[in-house]
Amino acid sequence: MSNTGEMSYNSKVEGNVVLTRLDSAINWIRKNSIWPMPMGLACCAIELMAAASSRFDIARFGAEVMRFSPRQADLLIVAGTVTYKMALAVKRIYDQMPDPKWCIAMGACASSGGMYRSYAVLQGIDRLIPVDVYISGCPPRPEALLEGLMRLQRKIEKEHSTLALKQEPALAS
């Protein structure tokens, strides 16, 4: 305090104050701490594994914590051919994930059935679960997965995180 009784300017205090909207803060946290659940079903899984290596470094996006338990993940990466035999298992895993959750369809097979026009192959995982980002390629490069992850982060940035909190309790349940 100065001799006149007023507080003097303190630059350290000003630097520690951040003003933002609650939606923006929640979305910033969510987009920078995505925990993927890898569902590697075919050759795209190799490219998914490569994205976690030091050469491509998925960790710089906050997604290095690959969780193999659906209850600890918020992003399902479906990489490869989804057969009807595996389709319900993929759906069960997606249903077990807590909200909010997202899905990336990685590769032509997960997106549209790819080159397999057969009775045994599901023609796109979006017939069972909602897909947020599609990544094209057969198989797509690890850079394409990183680009898809950045697109998902941009989508998460724009979500209304507190919308459910604003609703009345009777309507929310």
Protein backbone atom coordinates (compact mmCIF):
# COMPACT_ATOMS: atom_id res chain seq x y z
CA MET A 1 0.00 0.00 0.00
CA SER A 2 1.20 3.43 -0.77
CA ASN A 3 1.20 6.37 1.65
CA THR A 4 -2.16 7.60 0.31
CA GLY A 5 -3.93 4.42 1.45
CA GLU A 6 -4.65 2.98 -2.03
CA MET A 7 -3.49 -0.33 -3.39
CA SER A 8 -0.59 -0.06 -5.79
CA TYR A 9 -0.66 -1.75 -9.18
CA ASN A 10 0.36 -5.39 -8.96
CA SER A 11 0.97 -7.03 -12.33
CA LYS A 12 1.16 -10.51 -10.78
CA VAL A 13 -2.48 -10.40 -9.69
CA GLU A 14 -3.70 -9.22 -13.08
CA GLY A 15 -1.92 -12.04 -14.88
CA ASN A 16 -3.75 -14.70 -12.84
CA VAL A 17 -7.29 -13.61 -13.69
CA VAL A 18 -9.05 -15.34 -16.57
CA LEU A 19 -12.55 -14.48 -17.69
CA THR A 20 -14.48 -16.91 -19.86
CA ARG A 21 -17.84 -18.61 -20.29
CA LEU A 22 -18.48 -21.90 -18.49
CA ASP A 23 -19.23 -23.60 -21.82
CA SER A 24 -15.89 -22.49 -23.21
CA ALA A 25 -13.95 -23.72 -20.17
CA ILE A 26 -15.66 -27.14 -20.15
CA ASN A 27 -15.18 -27.57 -23.90
CA TRP A 28 -11.52 -26.55 -23.65
CA ILE A 29 -10.97 -29.22 -21.00
CA ARG A 30 -12.85 -31.87 -22.99
CA LYS A 31 -11.14 -31.19 -26.31
CA ASN A 32 -7.65 -31.33 -24.78
CA SER A 33 -8.15 -34.51 -22.78
CA ILE A 34 -9.78 -37.01 -25.11
CA TRP A 35 -9.31 -40.60 -24.03
CA PRO A 36 -9.75 -42.91 -27.03
CA MET A 37 -11.00 -46.47 -26.97
CA PRO A 38 -9.30 -48.14 -29.95
CA MET A 39 -11.46 -50.67 -31.77
CA GLY A 40 -8.93 -52.06 -34.23
CA LEU A 41 -10.70 -54.59 -36.42
CA ALA A 42 -8.48 -54.82 -39.49
CA CYS A 43 -5.50 -53.23 -41.26
CA CYS A 44 -6.49 -49.68 -40.17
CA ALA A 45 -5.55 -50.71 -36.64
CA ILE A 46 -1.86 -50.72 -37.63
CA GLU A 47 -2.14 -47.08 -38.71
CA LEU A 48 -3.95 -46.31 -35.44
CA MET A 49 -1.05 -47.83 -33.51
CA ALA A 50 1.44 -45.86 -35.59
CA ALA A 51 -0.34 -42.60 -34.67
CA ALA A 52 0.58 -43.24 -31.04
CA SER A 53 4.27 -43.67 -31.85
CA SER A 54 6.87 -40.99 -31.32
CA ARG A 55 7.01 -40.15 -35.03
CA PHE A 56 3.40 -38.94 -35.15
CA ASP A 57 2.83 -38.29 -31.40
CA ILE A 58 -0.90 -38.29 -30.74
CA ALA A 59 0.02 -37.13 -27.21
CA ARG A 60 0.30 -33.50 -28.33
CA PHE A 61 -3.49 -33.52 -28.71
CA GLY A 62 -4.12 -34.92 -25.24
CA ALA A 63 -5.23 -38.30 -26.64
CA GLU A 64 -2.29 -40.52 -25.69
CA VAL A 65 -4.19 -42.30 -22.93
CA MET A 66 -5.60 -45.24 -24.90
CA ARG A 67 -8.19 -46.85 -22.69
CA PHE A 68 -9.23 -50.43 -23.24
CA SER A 69 -12.17 -50.09 -20.89
CA PRO A 70 -15.24 -48.36 -22.31
CA ARG A 71 -16.12 -46.85 -18.95
CA GLN A 72 -12.87 -44.88 -18.96
CA ALA A 73 -13.01 -43.65 -22.57
CA ASP A 74 -14.92 -40.88 -24.33
CA LEU A 75 -13.86 -41.45 -27.96
CA LEU A 76 -14.44 -44.69 -29.85
CA ILE A 77 -12.13 -45.07 -32.85
CA VAL A 78 -13.55 -47.78 -35.11
CA ALA A 79 -10.65 -48.75 -37.35
CA GLY A 80 -11.26 -51.38 -39.98
CA THR A 81 -13.85 -53.75 -41.38
CA VAL A 82 -16.92 -54.18 -39.20
CA THR A 83 -18.46 -57.58 -39.77
CA TYR A 84 -21.97 -58.37 -38.58
CA LYS A 85 -20.41 -60.77 -36.09
CA MET A 86 -18.52 -57.84 -34.45
CA ALA A 87 -21.14 -55.12 -35.00
CA LEU A 88 -23.17 -55.74 -31.85
CA ALA A 89 -20.00 -55.96 -29.76
CA VAL A 90 -18.94 -52.53 -31.09
CA LYS A 91 -22.39 -51.14 -30.28
CA ARG A 92 -22.29 -52.63 -26.77
CA ILE A 93 -18.91 -51.00 -26.15
CA TYR A 94 -20.22 -47.64 -27.42
CA ASP A 95 -23.30 -47.92 -25.18
CA GLN A 96 -21.10 -48.59 -22.13
CA MET A 97 -19.11 -45.39 -22.63
CA PRO A 98 -20.13 -42.45 -20.40
CA ASP A 99 -21.57 -39.25 -21.87
CA PRO A 100 -20.35 -37.14 -23.54
CA LYS A 101 -18.90 -39.55 -26.06
CA TRP A 102 -17.73 -39.30 -29.64
CA CYS A 103 -16.91 -41.68 -32.48
CA ILE A 104 -14.42 -41.65 -35.34
CA ALA A 105 -14.89 -44.03 -38.28
CA MET A 106 -11.37 -44.67 -39.52
CA GLY A 107 -10.93 -45.99 -43.04
CA ALA A 108 -13.17 -46.87 -45.95
CA CYS A 109 -14.41 -50.10 -44.36
CA ALA A 110 -15.62 -48.50 -41.13
CA SER A 111 -17.14 -45.58 -43.05
CA SER A 112 -18.92 -47.39 -45.88
CA GLY A 113 -18.00 -51.07 -45.96
CA GLY A 114 -15.05 -50.37 -48.24
CA MET A 115 -14.46 -52.86 -51.02
CA TYR A 116 -16.48 -55.53 -49.22
CA ARG A 117 -19.99 -55.68 -50.70
CA SER A 118 -20.92 -58.87 -48.93
CA TYR A 119 -23.60 -60.24 -46.64
CA ALA A 120 -21.04 -60.48 -43.81
CA VAL A 121 -19.81 -56.86 -43.72
CA LEU A 122 -21.70 -53.91 -42.24
CA GLN A 123 -21.81 -51.11 -44.82
CA GLY A 124 -20.75 -48.37 -42.41
CA ILE A 125 -20.66 -48.20 -38.62
CA ASP A 126 -22.99 -45.19 -38.77
CA ARG A 127 -25.86 -47.65 -39.23
CA LEU A 128 -25.43 -48.63 -35.57
CA ILE A 129 -23.86 -45.70 -33.74
CA PRO A 130 -23.56 -41.97 -34.48
CA VAL A 131 -20.26 -41.01 -36.09
CA ASP A 132 -18.73 -37.57 -35.52
CA VAL A 133 -15.76 -37.72 -37.90
CA TYR A 134 -15.12 -39.89 -40.96
CA ILE A 135 -11.53 -40.52 -42.06
CA SER A 136 -11.15 -41.70 -45.64
CA GLY A 137 -8.46 -43.98 -47.00
CA CYS A 138 -7.61 -47.63 -47.29
CA PRO A 139 -5.87 -47.60 -44.89
CA PRO A 140 -5.64 -43.96 -43.91
CA ARG A 141 -2.23 -42.62 -42.88
CA PRO A 142 -1.59 -41.71 -39.23
CA GLU A 143 -1.58 -38.03 -40.30
CA ALA A 144 -5.17 -38.48 -41.45
CA LEU A 145 -6.15 -39.75 -38.01
CA LEU A 146 -4.48 -36.73 -36.42
CA GLU A 147 -6.38 -34.45 -38.82
CA GLY A 148 -9.61 -36.24 -37.86
CA LEU A 149 -8.78 -35.74 -34.20
CA MET A 150 -8.26 -32.02 -34.78
CA ARG A 151 -11.63 -31.85 -36.58
CA LEU A 152 -13.24 -33.55 -33.60
CA GLN A 153 -11.59 -31.01 -31.28
CA ARG A 154 -13.07 -28.17 -33.35
CA LYS A 155 -16.49 -29.84 -33.11
CA ILE A 156 -16.19 -30.23 -29.33
CA GLU A 157 -15.25 -26.53 -29.05
CA LYS A 158 -18.65 -25.52 -30.44
CA GLU A 159 -20.83 -27.81 -28.31
CA HIS A 160 -23.22 -26.50 -25.68
CA SER A 161 -21.90 -28.26 -22.58
CA THR A 162 -24.15 -26.63 -20.02
CA LEU A 163 -27.42 -27.03 -21.91
CA ALA A 164 -28.49 -30.01 -19.80
CA LEU A 165 -27.74 -28.06 -16.61
CA LYS A 166 -30.08 -25.25 -17.65
CA GLN A 167 -33.09 -27.54 -18.09
CA GLU A 168 -35.48 -28.22 -15.28
CA PRO A 169 -34.71 -31.43 -13.32
CA ALA A 170 -38.00 -33.08 -14.38
CA LEU A 171 -37.18 -32.50 -18.05
CA ALA A 172 -33.55 -33.60 -17.82
CA SER A 173 -34.33 -37.16 -16.69
